[in-house]
Protein backbone atom coordinates (compact mmCIF):
# COMPACT_ATOMS: atom_id res chain seq x y z
CA MET A 1 1.86 -21.74 22.42
CA GLU A 2 3.17 -18.19 22.64
CA GLU A 3 6.75 -19.41 22.08
CA TYR A 4 5.75 -20.67 18.63
CA LEU A 5 4.25 -17.30 17.78
CA ASP A 6 7.46 -15.57 18.93
CA ARG A 7 9.53 -17.81 16.67
CA PHE A 8 7.14 -17.24 13.77
CA ILE A 9 7.33 -13.43 14.11
CA THR A 10 11.14 -13.64 14.22
CA TYR A 11 11.05 -15.75 11.06
CA LEU A 12 8.83 -13.19 9.29
CA VAL A 13 11.10 -10.28 10.18
CA VAL A 14 14.51 -11.93 9.73
CA GLU A 15 13.93 -14.33 6.84
CA ARG A 16 10.93 -12.85 5.03
CA ASN A 17 11.84 -9.16 5.56
CA ALA A 18 8.36 -8.41 6.88
CA SER A 19 7.70 -4.78 7.80
CA PRO A 20 7.07 -3.80 11.44
CA TYR A 21 3.44 -3.14 10.45
CA THR A 22 3.04 -6.67 9.04
CA ALA A 23 4.75 -8.27 12.02
CA ARG A 24 2.52 -6.32 14.41
CA ASN A 25 -0.63 -7.44 12.60
CA TYR A 26 0.43 -11.09 12.61
CA ARG A 27 1.27 -10.97 16.31
CA ARG A 28 -2.03 -9.38 17.24
CA GLU A 29 -4.30 -11.50 15.05
CA VAL A 30 -2.58 -14.88 15.34
CA GLY A 31 -2.31 -14.15 19.07
CA GLU A 32 -6.07 -13.61 19.12
CA PHE A 33 -6.54 -17.11 17.72
CA LEU A 34 -4.17 -18.61 20.28
CA ARG A 35 -6.14 -16.99 23.10
CA PHE A 36 -9.31 -18.42 21.60
CA LEU A 37 -7.69 -21.88 21.61
CA LYS A 38 -6.71 -21.45 25.25
CA GLY A 39 -10.36 -20.85 26.05
CA GLU A 40 -11.12 -24.08 24.22
CA GLY A 41 -8.67 -25.95 26.43
CA VAL A 42 -6.08 -26.38 23.67
CA SER A 43 -2.48 -26.15 24.90
CA SER A 44 -0.40 -27.34 21.91
CA PRO A 45 -0.47 -27.00 18.09
CA GLN A 46 -0.86 -30.78 17.75
CA GLU A 47 -4.31 -30.56 19.37
CA VAL A 48 -5.71 -28.09 16.82
CA ASP A 49 -8.24 -29.64 14.46
CA ARG A 50 -10.87 -28.57 11.95
CA GLN A 51 -13.56 -28.21 14.60
CA HIS A 52 -11.50 -25.66 16.54
CA LEU A 53 -10.97 -23.65 13.36
CA THR A 54 -14.65 -23.83 12.43
CA ARG A 55 -15.68 -22.61 15.90
CA TYR A 56 -13.15 -19.78 15.64
CA LEU A 57 -14.68 -18.64 12.34
CA LEU A 58 -18.15 -18.76 13.89
CA TRP A 59 -16.81 -16.72 16.81
CA LEU A 60 -15.45 -14.09 14.40
CA ARG A 61 -18.75 -13.91 12.55
CA ALA A 62 -20.66 -13.60 15.81
CA LYS A 63 -18.52 -10.56 16.59
CA GLU A 64 -19.50 -9.17 13.17
CA TYR A 65 -16.00 -9.07 11.71
CA ALA A 66 -16.00 -8.04 8.05
CA LYS A 67 -15.45 -10.75 5.46
CA ALA A 68 -12.18 -9.14 4.40
CA SER A 69 -10.95 -9.20 8.00
CA ILE A 70 -11.88 -12.87 8.41
CA ARG A 71 -10.21 -13.70 5.12
CA ARG A 72 -7.01 -11.96 6.26
CA ARG A 73 -6.97 -13.90 9.51
CA ILE A 74 -7.36 -17.20 7.69
CA SER A 75 -4.44 -16.27 5.45
CA GLU A 76 -2.31 -15.37 8.48
CA LEU A 77 -3.17 -18.62 10.24
CA ARG A 78 -2.40 -20.60 7.11
CA SER A 79 1.07 -19.01 7.04
CA PHE A 80 1.56 -19.66 10.76
CA PHE A 81 0.69 -23.35 10.51
CA LYS A 82 2.72 -23.71 7.32
CA TYR A 83 5.69 -22.41 9.30
CA LEU A 84 5.04 -24.99 12.03
CA VAL A 85 4.93 -27.75 9.41
CA GLY A 86 8.25 -26.52 8.03
CA GLN A 87 9.70 -26.59 11.54
CA LYS A 88 8.53 -30.22 11.96
CA VAL A 89 6.23 -29.19 14.82
CA LEU A 90 3.23 -30.45 12.80
CA GLU A 91 2.91 -33.08 10.12
CA SER A 92 0.21 -31.22 8.18
CA ASN A 93 -1.47 -27.82 8.06
CA PRO A 94 -4.89 -28.07 9.76
CA ILE A 95 -6.20 -24.93 8.11
CA GLU A 96 -5.70 -26.10 4.52
CA ALA A 97 -9.22 -27.54 4.48
CA ILE A 98 -10.79 -24.26 5.65
CA SER A 99 -12.21 -21.99 2.95
CA ALA A 100 -12.03 -18.23 3.34
CA PRO A 101 -15.21 -16.21 2.73
CA LYS A 102 -15.40 -14.59 -0.68
CA VAL A 103 -15.03 -10.83 -0.62
CA PRO A 104 -16.63 -8.73 -3.36
CA GLN A 105 -13.91 -6.98 -5.33
CA ARG A 106 -14.00 -3.25 -4.81
CA LEU A 107 -12.60 -1.12 -7.57
CA PRO A 108 -9.94 1.22 -6.19
CA ARG A 109 -10.78 4.90 -5.98
CA TYR A 110 -8.48 7.29 -7.81
CA LEU A 111 -7.99 11.03 -8.20
CA LYS A 112 -9.11 12.86 -11.31
CA PRO A 113 -6.59 15.11 -13.13
CA GLU A 114 -8.23 18.26 -11.76
CA GLU A 115 -8.00 16.87 -8.22
CA ILE A 116 -4.33 16.09 -8.75
CA GLY A 117 -3.83 19.67 -9.90
CA ALA A 118 -5.61 21.04 -6.83
CA ILE A 119 -3.58 19.04 -4.32
CA MET A 120 -0.30 19.79 -6.11
CA GLY A 121 -1.03 23.48 -5.65
CA ALA A 122 -1.69 23.16 -1.91
CA PRO A 123 1.89 23.37 -0.49
CA ASP A 124 3.51 26.79 -0.06
CA THR A 125 6.64 26.26 -2.14
CA SER A 126 8.22 29.47 -0.85
CA GLN A 127 8.88 27.62 2.43
CA PRO A 128 11.16 24.60 3.10
CA LEU A 129 8.32 22.38 4.33
CA GLY A 130 6.19 23.35 1.37
CA GLN A 131 9.05 22.51 -0.99
CA ARG A 132 9.35 19.13 0.68
CA ASP A 133 5.61 18.51 0.55
CA ARG A 134 5.36 19.40 -3.14
CA ALA A 135 8.26 17.04 -3.93
CA ILE A 136 6.55 14.22 -2.00
CA LEU A 137 3.23 14.77 -3.78
CA GLU A 138 4.89 14.84 -7.19
CA ILE A 139 6.90 11.68 -6.46
CA LEU A 140 3.89 9.77 -5.15
CA TYR A 141 1.95 10.59 -8.30
CA ALA A 142 4.90 10.06 -10.67
CA THR A 143 5.93 6.68 -9.28
CA GLY A 144 3.01 5.09 -7.41
CA MET A 145 5.42 4.00 -4.68
CA ARG A 146 4.22 2.84 -1.27
CA ILE A 147 4.45 5.19 1.70
CA SER A 148 6.93 2.85 3.43
CA GLU A 149 9.11 3.02 0.32
CA LEU A 150 8.90 6.82 0.24
CA VAL A 151 10.01 7.40 3.82
CA GLY A 152 12.81 4.85 3.36
CA LEU A 153 14.40 6.79 0.48
CA ASP A 154 17.98 7.95 0.99
CA MET A 155 19.99 10.59 -0.82
CA GLY A 156 21.97 7.96 -2.69
CA THR A 157 18.84 6.48 -4.26
CA VAL A 158 18.06 9.57 -6.35
CA GLU A 159 19.33 10.34 -9.85
CA ILE A 160 17.56 13.52 -10.90
CA ALA A 161 19.56 13.91 -14.13
CA ARG A 162 18.41 10.48 -15.27
CA GLY A 163 14.92 10.95 -13.87
CA GLN A 164 14.90 7.83 -11.73
CA MET A 165 15.08 6.50 -8.17
CA MET A 166 16.00 3.19 -6.60
CA VAL A 167 13.25 1.94 -4.32
CA ARG A 168 13.41 -0.93 -1.83
CA GLY A 169 10.05 -2.67 -1.91
CA LYS A 170 8.39 -5.58 -0.15
CA GLY A 171 10.64 -8.51 0.65
CA GLY A 172 13.73 -6.32 0.31
CA LYS A 173 13.42 -6.26 -3.49
CA ASP A 174 14.89 -3.23 -5.25
CA ARG A 175 13.34 -1.66 -8.34
CA ILE A 176 13.80 1.44 -10.46
CA VAL A 177 10.98 4.01 -10.60
CA LEU A 178 10.85 6.88 -13.06
CA LEU A 179 10.31 10.60 -12.56
CA GLY A 180 8.61 12.96 -14.99
CA GLN A 181 9.74 16.56 -15.36
CA PRO A 182 7.36 18.05 -12.74
CA ALA A 183 8.63 15.55 -10.14
CA ARG A 184 12.25 16.21 -11.11
CA ASP A 185 11.75 19.98 -10.83
CA ALA A 186 10.02 19.73 -7.45
CA LEU A 187 12.68 17.37 -6.09
CA ASP A 188 15.49 19.58 -7.40
CA LEU A 189 14.00 22.61 -5.63
CA TYR A 190 13.64 20.67 -2.39
CA LEU A 191 17.21 19.35 -2.53
CA LYS A 192 18.73 22.75 -3.32
CA LYS A 193 16.68 24.90 -0.96
CA GLY A 194 14.28 23.03 1.31
CA ARG A 195 16.33 20.11 2.59
CA PRO A 196 19.45 22.14 3.56
CA LYS A 197 17.27 24.39 5.73
CA LEU A 198 15.47 21.45 7.35
CA LEU A 199 18.75 19.62 7.93
CA LYS A 200 19.88 22.20 10.52
CA GLY A 201 23.45 20.95 10.57
CA ARG A 202 22.51 17.33 11.22
CA ARG A 203 24.03 14.43 9.33
CA THR A 204 21.54 11.97 7.87
CA SER A 205 21.16 10.07 4.62
CA ALA A 206 17.36 10.38 4.69
CA LEU A 207 15.91 12.10 1.64
CA PHE A 208 12.78 13.52 3.26
CA LEU A 209 13.14 15.26 6.61
CA ASN A 210 10.74 16.55 9.24
CA ARG A 211 10.97 20.01 10.79
CA SER A 212 13.52 18.67 13.31
CA GLY A 213 15.91 17.53 10.59
CA GLU A 214 15.19 13.83 11.13
CA ARG A 215 13.79 11.22 8.74
CA LEU A 216 10.15 11.90 7.98
CA SER A 217 7.84 9.20 9.34
CA VAL A 218 4.86 7.46 7.77
CA ARG A 219 2.62 9.35 10.17
CA GLY A 220 4.24 12.61 9.12
CA VAL A 221 3.41 11.95 5.47
CA GLN A 222 -0.18 11.05 6.35
CA LEU A 223 -0.65 14.29 8.31
CA MET A 224 0.84 16.28 5.44
CA LEU A 225 -1.57 14.68 2.98
CA ASP A 226 -4.52 15.44 5.26
CA ARG A 227 -3.43 19.06 5.46
CA CYS A 228 -2.97 19.44 1.70
CA ALA A 229 -6.22 17.62 0.95
CA ARG A 230 -8.23 19.99 3.15
CA LYS A 231 -6.58 22.99 1.50
CA ALA A 232 -7.41 21.56 -1.92
CA GLY A 233 -11.04 20.93 -0.92
CA LEU A 234 -10.66 17.13 -0.99
CA LYS A 235 -12.12 14.96 1.75
CA TRP A 236 -10.04 11.80 1.67
CA VAL A 237 -6.48 11.45 0.34
CA THR A 238 -4.03 8.73 1.34
CA PRO A 239 -0.63 7.66 0.01
CA HIS A 240 -2.27 4.52 -1.38
CA LEU A 241 -4.79 6.68 -3.24
CA PHE A 242 -1.85 8.17 -5.14
CA ARG A 243 -0.72 4.62 -5.94
CA HIS A 244 -4.17 3.77 -7.28
CA THR A 245 -4.21 7.00 -9.27
CA PHE A 246 -0.78 6.36 -10.79
CA ALA A 247 -1.76 2.88 -11.97
CA THR A 248 -5.17 3.92 -13.27
CA HIS A 249 -3.81 6.91 -15.19
CA MET A 250 -0.94 4.85 -16.63
CA LEU A 251 -3.25 2.12 -17.92
CA GLY A 252 -5.80 4.66 -19.08
CA GLY A 253 -3.03 6.31 -21.09
CA GLY A 254 -2.20 3.06 -22.86
CA ALA A 255 0.64 1.69 -20.73
CA ASP A 256 1.34 -2.04 -20.91
CA LEU A 257 0.02 -3.98 -17.92
CA ARG A 258 3.37 -5.67 -17.23
CA VAL A 259 5.20 -2.35 -17.29
CA VAL A 260 2.82 -0.98 -14.67
CA GLN A 261 3.28 -4.18 -12.65
CA GLU A 262 7.04 -3.67 -12.66
CA LEU A 263 6.80 0.00 -11.73
CA LEU A 264 4.44 -0.78 -8.83
CA GLY A 265 6.58 -3.65 -7.61
CA HIS A 266 3.72 -6.15 -7.70
CA ALA A 267 4.88 -9.75 -7.41
CA SER A 268 1.76 -11.00 -9.21
CA LEU A 269 0.15 -9.63 -12.35
CA SER A 270 -3.28 -10.26 -10.81
CA SER A 271 -2.59 -7.50 -8.27
CA THR A 272 -2.20 -5.04 -11.14
CA GLN A 273 -5.12 -6.27 -13.23
CA VAL A 274 -7.71 -4.68 -10.94
CA TYR A 275 -6.71 -1.31 -12.40
CA THR A 276 -7.70 -2.44 -15.88
CA HIS A 277 -11.27 -2.71 -14.58
CA VAL A 278 -11.07 0.89 -13.38
CA SER A 279 -9.80 2.04 -16.78
CA GLN A 280 -12.51 0.08 -18.57
CA ARG A 281 -15.19 1.54 -16.30
CA ARG A 282 -13.87 5.05 -16.97
CA ALA A 283 -13.77 4.39 -20.72
CA ARG A 284 -17.40 3.26 -20.59
CA GLU A 285 -18.43 6.39 -18.68
CA VAL A 286 -16.71 8.62 -21.24
CA TYR A 287 -18.32 6.71 -24.10
CA MET A 288 -21.82 6.84 -22.60
CA ASN A 289 -21.51 10.58 -21.95
CA SER A 290 -19.88 11.47 -25.26
CA HIS A 291 -21.17 9.32 -28.11
CA PRO A 292 -24.41 10.61 -29.64
CA LEU A 293 -25.81 7.09 -30.11
CA ALA A 294 -24.70 5.72 -26.71
CA ARG A 295 -27.86 6.79 -24.86
CA GLU A 296 -31.25 5.52 -25.82
CA GLY A 297 -33.63 8.13 -27.18
CA GLU A 298 -30.90 10.70 -27.86
CA VAL A 299 -31.13 10.43 -31.62
CA GLU A 300 -34.35 9.81 -33.51
CA GLY A 301 -34.71 8.35 -36.95
CA GLY A 302 -32.19 6.35 -38.87
C-alpha cells in the first residue's frame, strides 16, 4: 500500500501546500500504520476494518504512546482514508467510527514582561549577528508569527515606514502583520548595518541571513534562541513561546479575540480562544494577590 501513501504525500504537498515538516510526519506515522497492517496480513486498503484499527490503537497504548500522540495519528489516518475515498479507492472511511482519546487541555506557557526585557537585551547589537538576532526577537514578539513564516520572509515583504510585513502562512495564505516601534527600529538597524555585512556580496532575497550570507534556517533560529535564553537566565525559550506570549499579552491588554486570530493566522477562532483562558488565569492571580478582600482572613471585622 506504499504507492497510496506516496500519492497522498504528493497530494498534501502539491494541492494542500503542506510544509516539509508536515509531509515528513504524515509519511512516518501513516507509514507506521501501514507496516502494522502488513503484520496483520492486510495487503490492500479495502481489507482495512474497524478491528484492525482497534488493534492498532491497543498496540499504540501498549507502547505507552501519549494520548496526544495517539490522537494525532488518528487524525492523520482519518485524512489518509478520506483521500482514498476521494480517489474512489474506498467507498467509505473506516476510521470515522473510531474515537480519539481526549487530551487534557494544557494552557500555553508565556513569557512575562521582565523575561521579554531580559531576552531582548541578550544580543550584542554592536555586531551584525547581534543586530540580526535582536531584529528577530523583536519581530517574533511583535507579530507572533511562526518560525517557518519568519525564515521565509523576503526583502520585498517588509514595509518599515508603514510598520507592517506580508507573511505567507499555512496553506499558502498571505496576511499582514504589524510592527511596533521597537521592532521597526531593530529591523531598520539590521537592514542598514547588519544584513549588508552578512550578505558578503551574495545576491539573495532572504530577509534574515546566516553568517555565510545564506537564508537563515529554522534550526539556526532555534540555536539563536537557545543562546539568548541562556544569556538572559531563561531555561526554555522557543519560537512558539513567543507566539504564545504575543497572543496572551495582546488579549491581556484588551485586544479583540478576532483581531488576534487574524494576526496569528488561525483558521479557526477556537485555536485562539485558549489564550483567553491564560489571560483569565493571570487576571485571577493578580486579583487574588492584590485585592485586600480576595484572601480569607486578610481583613477582620466588617
